[in-house]
């Protein structure tokens, strides 16, 4: 090997050896002593469990807001004359199925 290459190789080896030594010293200093207490994992938390049962179906309640409007309107005529005595609900009021309107 030529002398020029040896001159460059020696400082490189010395530098590499110094870096390995420093890393080893760092690892040794970072390692806990035998006098230190051993770190223990935290205790497990209690968990509530429930049995799961397979079901064929379920009921889901849903509520919607909106307005009911007729698709078509018809004019009514009656064979015998008469008067409407009372209208029991106001226009736009909520009514239930089968409720008397007039």
N, C-alpha and C. Protein backbone atom coordinates (compact mmCIF):
# COMPACT_ATOMS: atom_id res chain seq x y z
N UNK A 1 0.85 -1.17 0.00
CA UNK A 1 0.00 0.00 0.00
C UNK A 1 0.90 1.24 0.00
N UNK A 2 0.61 2.21 -0.84
CA UNK A 2 1.43 3.42 -0.90
C UNK A 2 1.35 4.22 0.39
N UNK A 3 2.38 5.01 0.68
CA UNK A 3 2.47 5.79 1.92
C UNK A 3 1.37 6.84 2.01
N UNK A 4 0.97 7.43 0.89
CA UNK A 4 -0.09 8.46 0.91
C UNK A 4 -1.40 7.88 1.43
N UNK A 5 -1.71 6.66 1.01
CA UNK A 5 -2.97 6.03 1.46
C UNK A 5 -2.89 5.66 2.94
N UNK A 6 -1.68 5.24 3.40
CA UNK A 6 -1.52 4.90 4.81
C UNK A 6 -1.70 6.13 5.68
N UNK A 7 -1.22 7.25 5.23
CA UNK A 7 -1.34 8.49 6.00
C UNK A 7 -2.82 8.87 6.17
N UNK A 8 -3.64 8.59 5.17
CA UNK A 8 -5.08 8.91 5.26
C UNK A 8 -5.84 7.85 6.05
N UNK A 9 -5.37 6.61 5.97
CA UNK A 9 -6.08 5.50 6.61
C UNK A 9 -5.93 5.52 8.13
N UNK A 10 -4.77 5.87 8.65
CA UNK A 10 -4.52 5.86 10.09
C UNK A 10 -5.44 6.86 10.81
N UNK A 11 -5.55 8.12 10.37
CA UNK A 11 -6.47 9.03 11.08
C UNK A 11 -7.93 8.58 10.99
N UNK A 12 -8.29 7.95 9.87
CA UNK A 12 -9.67 7.47 9.74
C UNK A 12 -9.95 6.36 10.74
N UNK A 13 -8.99 5.44 10.93
CA UNK A 13 -9.18 4.34 11.89
C UNK A 13 -9.23 4.88 13.31
N UNK A 14 -8.37 5.84 13.63
CA UNK A 14 -8.36 6.44 14.96
C UNK A 14 -9.69 7.14 15.24
N UNK A 15 -10.20 7.86 14.25
CA UNK A 15 -11.48 8.56 14.42
C UNK A 15 -12.62 7.57 14.61
N UNK A 16 -12.63 6.50 13.82
CA UNK A 16 -13.67 5.48 13.94
C UNK A 16 -13.61 4.80 15.30
N UNK A 17 -12.39 4.49 15.78
CA UNK A 17 -12.24 3.86 17.10
C UNK A 17 -12.73 4.78 18.20
N UNK A 18 -12.49 6.08 18.07
CA UNK A 18 -12.97 7.03 19.07
C UNK A 18 -14.49 7.11 19.09
N UNK A 19 -15.08 7.06 17.92
CA UNK A 19 -16.55 7.11 17.86
C UNK A 19 -17.17 5.86 18.47
N UNK A 20 -16.59 4.69 18.19
CA UNK A 20 -17.10 3.44 18.77
C UNK A 20 -16.94 3.47 20.29
N UNK A 21 -15.79 3.97 20.77
CA UNK A 21 -15.57 4.06 22.21
C UNK A 21 -16.56 4.99 22.88
N UNK A 22 -16.84 6.13 22.25
CA UNK A 22 -17.79 7.08 22.83
C UNK A 22 -19.19 6.49 22.87
N UNK A 23 -19.57 5.78 21.82
CA UNK A 23 -20.91 5.16 21.79
C UNK A 23 -21.02 4.09 22.86
N UNK A 24 -19.99 3.30 23.03
CA UNK A 24 -20.01 2.25 24.06
C UNK A 24 -20.10 2.87 25.45
N UNK A 25 -19.35 3.91 25.70
CA UNK A 25 -19.41 4.58 27.00
C UNK A 25 -20.79 5.16 27.25
N UNK A 26 -21.39 5.73 26.22
CA UNK A 26 -22.74 6.28 26.37
C UNK A 26 -23.76 5.20 26.72
N UNK A 27 -23.64 4.05 26.08
CA UNK A 27 -24.55 2.95 26.40
C UNK A 27 -24.35 2.43 27.81
N UNK A 28 -23.12 2.33 28.24
CA UNK A 28 -22.85 1.85 29.59
C UNK A 28 -23.35 2.82 30.65
N UNK A 29 -23.21 4.11 30.39
CA UNK A 29 -23.68 5.10 31.36
C UNK A 29 -25.20 5.19 31.39
N UNK A 30 -25.84 4.91 30.28
CA UNK A 30 -27.30 5.00 30.21
C UNK A 30 -27.97 3.78 30.83
N UNK A 31 -27.25 2.67 30.98
CA UNK A 31 -27.81 1.45 31.54
C UNK A 31 -28.04 1.62 33.03
N UNK A 32 -29.20 1.20 33.55
CA UNK A 32 -29.44 1.36 34.99
C UNK A 32 -28.55 0.44 35.81
N UNK A 33 -28.17 0.91 36.98
CA UNK A 33 -27.37 0.10 37.89
C UNK A 33 -28.23 -0.99 38.48
N UNK A 34 -27.57 -1.99 39.02
CA UNK A 34 -28.32 -3.08 39.65
C UNK A 34 -28.99 -2.61 40.94
N UNK A 35 -28.54 -1.48 41.49
CA UNK A 35 -29.13 -0.98 42.72
C UNK A 35 -30.47 -0.28 42.45
N UNK A 36 -30.69 0.16 41.18
CA UNK A 36 -31.97 0.81 40.85
C UNK A 36 -33.10 -0.21 40.87
N UNK A 37 -34.29 0.26 41.21
CA UNK A 37 -35.43 -0.64 41.20
C UNK A 37 -35.81 -0.96 39.75
N UNK A 38 -36.29 -2.15 39.54
CA UNK A 38 -36.68 -2.59 38.20
C UNK A 38 -38.02 -1.94 37.86
N UNK A 39 -38.11 -1.32 36.70
CA UNK A 39 -39.36 -0.68 36.29
C UNK A 39 -40.41 -1.74 36.01
N UNK A 40 -41.57 -1.57 36.59
CA UNK A 40 -42.66 -2.53 36.41
C UNK A 40 -43.75 -1.89 35.57
N UNK A 41 -44.40 -2.68 34.74
CA UNK A 41 -45.51 -2.12 33.95
C UNK A 41 -46.67 -1.75 34.86
N UNK A 42 -47.50 -0.79 34.47
CA UNK A 42 -48.64 -0.41 35.30
C UNK A 42 -49.63 -1.56 35.43
N UNK A 43 -50.35 -1.56 36.54
CA UNK A 43 -51.33 -2.62 36.79
C UNK A 43 -52.45 -2.54 35.77
N UNK A 44 -53.01 -3.68 35.41
CA UNK A 44 -54.11 -3.74 34.43
C UNK A 44 -55.37 -3.13 35.04
N UNK A 45 -56.14 -2.43 34.21
CA UNK A 45 -57.40 -1.84 34.66
C UNK A 45 -58.53 -2.85 34.52
N UNK A 46 -59.50 -2.84 35.44
CA UNK A 46 -60.63 -3.77 35.31
C UNK A 46 -61.51 -3.37 34.13
N UNK A 47 -62.07 -4.37 33.45
CA UNK A 47 -62.91 -4.14 32.28
C UNK A 47 -64.23 -4.85 32.48
N UNK A 48 -65.34 -4.15 32.23
CA UNK A 48 -66.66 -4.76 32.34
C UNK A 48 -66.96 -5.53 31.06
N UNK A 49 -67.45 -6.76 31.21
CA UNK A 49 -67.77 -7.58 30.04
C UNK A 49 -69.26 -7.88 30.03
N UNK A 50 -69.79 -8.13 28.83
CA UNK A 50 -71.20 -8.50 28.67
C UNK A 50 -71.30 -9.60 27.63
N UNK A 51 -72.25 -10.48 27.84
CA UNK A 51 -72.49 -11.55 26.88
C UNK A 51 -73.26 -10.99 25.68
N UNK A 52 -72.90 -11.42 24.49
CA UNK A 52 -73.55 -10.95 23.27
C UNK A 52 -74.44 -12.06 22.74
N UNK A 53 -75.68 -11.71 22.41
CA UNK A 53 -76.63 -12.68 21.87
C UNK A 53 -77.01 -12.29 20.45
N UNK A 54 -77.05 -13.25 19.55
CA UNK A 54 -77.44 -13.02 18.17
C UNK A 54 -78.95 -12.85 18.09
N UNK A 55 -79.43 -11.81 17.40
CA UNK A 55 -80.85 -11.55 17.24
C UNK A 55 -81.18 -11.48 15.76
N UNK A 56 -82.41 -11.86 15.41
CA UNK A 56 -82.84 -11.84 14.02
C UNK A 56 -83.11 -10.42 13.53
N UNK A 57 -83.68 -9.58 14.40
CA UNK A 57 -84.02 -8.21 13.99
C UNK A 57 -84.08 -7.33 15.22
N UNK A 58 -84.31 -6.05 15.00
CA UNK A 58 -84.45 -5.10 16.10
C UNK A 58 -85.37 -3.98 15.65
N UNK A 59 -85.93 -3.26 16.62
CA UNK A 59 -86.83 -2.15 16.34
C UNK A 59 -86.08 -0.84 16.54
N UNK A 60 -86.26 0.06 15.58
CA UNK A 60 -85.59 1.35 15.69
C UNK A 60 -86.66 2.44 15.60
N UNK A 61 -86.71 3.29 16.62
CA UNK A 61 -87.66 4.40 16.63
C UNK A 61 -87.06 5.58 15.86
N UNK A 62 -87.85 6.17 14.98
CA UNK A 62 -87.39 7.34 14.24
C UNK A 62 -88.47 8.41 14.28
N UNK A 63 -88.07 9.65 14.30
CA UNK A 63 -88.99 10.78 14.29
C UNK A 63 -88.59 11.72 13.17
N UNK A 64 -89.57 12.18 12.41
CA UNK A 64 -89.32 13.09 11.31
C UNK A 64 -90.25 14.29 11.44
N UNK A 65 -89.76 15.44 11.08
CA UNK A 65 -90.63 16.60 11.06
C UNK A 65 -90.97 16.91 9.62
N UNK A 66 -92.14 17.44 9.40
CA UNK A 66 -92.54 17.75 8.04
C UNK A 66 -94.00 18.16 7.98
N UNK A 67 -94.52 18.24 6.79
CA UNK A 67 -95.90 18.66 6.57
C UNK A 67 -96.55 17.70 5.59
N UNK A 68 -97.77 17.27 5.92
CA UNK A 68 -98.52 16.39 5.04
C UNK A 68 -99.35 17.25 4.11
N UNK A 69 -99.26 16.98 2.81
CA UNK A 69 -100.00 17.76 1.83
C UNK A 69 -100.62 16.78 0.84
N UNK A 70 -101.88 17.02 0.47
CA UNK A 70 -102.58 16.14 -0.46
C UNK A 70 -101.96 16.24 -1.85
N UNK A 71 -101.93 15.10 -2.57
CA UNK A 71 -101.44 15.13 -3.95
C UNK A 71 -102.47 15.75 -4.89
N UNK A 72 -103.72 15.54 -4.55
CA UNK A 72 -104.77 16.13 -5.39
C UNK A 72 -105.94 16.56 -4.52
N UNK A 73 -106.74 17.48 -5.02
CA UNK A 73 -107.92 17.98 -4.31
C UNK A 73 -109.15 17.73 -5.17
N UNK A 74 -110.28 17.53 -4.51
CA UNK A 74 -111.54 17.29 -5.22
C UNK A 74 -112.62 18.20 -4.67
N UNK A 75 -113.49 18.65 -5.55
CA UNK A 75 -114.64 19.44 -5.14
C UNK A 75 -115.75 18.45 -4.79
N UNK A 76 -116.36 18.64 -3.63
CA UNK A 76 -117.40 17.72 -3.17
C UNK A 76 -118.78 18.35 -3.32
N UNK A 77 -119.75 17.52 -3.64
CA UNK A 77 -121.14 17.95 -3.68
C UNK A 77 -122.00 16.91 -2.97
N UNK A 78 -123.07 17.38 -2.35
CA UNK A 78 -123.93 16.46 -1.57
C UNK A 78 -125.35 16.51 -2.11
N UNK A 79 -126.06 15.37 -2.00
CA UNK A 79 -127.44 15.28 -2.49
C UNK A 79 -128.38 16.11 -1.64
N UNK A 80 -128.19 16.12 -0.36
CA UNK A 80 -129.08 16.90 0.49
C UNK A 80 -128.31 18.10 1.04
N UNK A 81 -129.02 19.20 1.14
CA UNK A 81 -128.40 20.44 1.60
C UNK A 81 -128.20 20.40 3.10
N UNK A 82 -127.21 21.13 3.59
CA UNK A 82 -126.96 21.18 5.01
C UNK A 82 -125.91 22.23 5.32
N UNK A 83 -125.68 22.40 6.61
CA UNK A 83 -124.68 23.36 7.05
C UNK A 83 -123.66 22.65 7.93
N UNK A 84 -122.45 23.13 7.84
CA UNK A 84 -121.40 22.61 8.68
C UNK A 84 -121.55 23.29 10.04
N UNK A 85 -121.79 22.48 11.07
CA UNK A 85 -122.05 23.04 12.39
C UNK A 85 -120.77 23.56 13.05
N UNK A 86 -119.70 22.79 13.01
CA UNK A 86 -118.46 23.20 13.67
C UNK A 86 -117.25 22.62 12.93
N UNK A 87 -116.17 23.35 12.92
CA UNK A 87 -114.87 22.84 12.47
C UNK A 87 -114.05 22.66 13.75
N UNK A 88 -113.61 21.43 13.99
CA UNK A 88 -112.98 21.11 15.27
C UNK A 88 -111.46 21.33 15.30
N UNK A 89 -110.83 21.49 14.15
CA UNK A 89 -109.38 21.71 14.12
C UNK A 89 -109.07 22.91 13.24
N UNK A 90 -107.97 23.57 13.55
CA UNK A 90 -107.52 24.71 12.76
C UNK A 90 -106.63 24.23 11.63
N UNK A 91 -106.55 25.03 10.59
CA UNK A 91 -105.67 24.71 9.48
C UNK A 91 -104.23 24.68 9.96
N UNK A 92 -103.50 23.62 9.59
CA UNK A 92 -102.10 23.48 9.99
C UNK A 92 -101.89 22.79 11.32
N UNK A 93 -103.01 22.46 12.03
CA UNK A 93 -102.88 21.80 13.33
C UNK A 93 -102.51 20.32 13.13
N UNK A 94 -101.87 19.75 14.12
CA UNK A 94 -101.53 18.32 14.09
C UNK A 94 -102.75 17.51 14.48
N UNK A 95 -103.00 16.43 13.74
CA UNK A 95 -104.13 15.56 14.05
C UNK A 95 -103.65 14.11 14.01
N UNK A 96 -104.37 13.25 14.71
CA UNK A 96 -104.07 11.82 14.74
C UNK A 96 -105.02 11.10 13.80
N UNK A 97 -104.63 9.91 13.40
CA UNK A 97 -105.49 9.08 12.51
C UNK A 97 -106.81 8.79 13.22
N UNK A 98 -107.92 8.99 12.52
CA UNK A 98 -109.25 8.71 13.06
C UNK A 98 -109.83 9.85 13.88
N UNK A 99 -109.13 10.95 14.04
CA UNK A 99 -109.62 12.08 14.82
C UNK A 99 -110.71 12.82 14.05
N UNK A 100 -111.76 13.24 14.74
CA UNK A 100 -112.89 13.95 14.14
C UNK A 100 -112.45 15.38 13.79
N UNK A 101 -112.66 15.78 12.53
CA UNK A 101 -112.22 17.09 12.08
C UNK A 101 -113.33 18.12 12.07
N UNK A 102 -114.58 17.70 11.66
CA UNK A 102 -115.71 18.65 11.59
C UNK A 102 -117.00 17.93 11.89
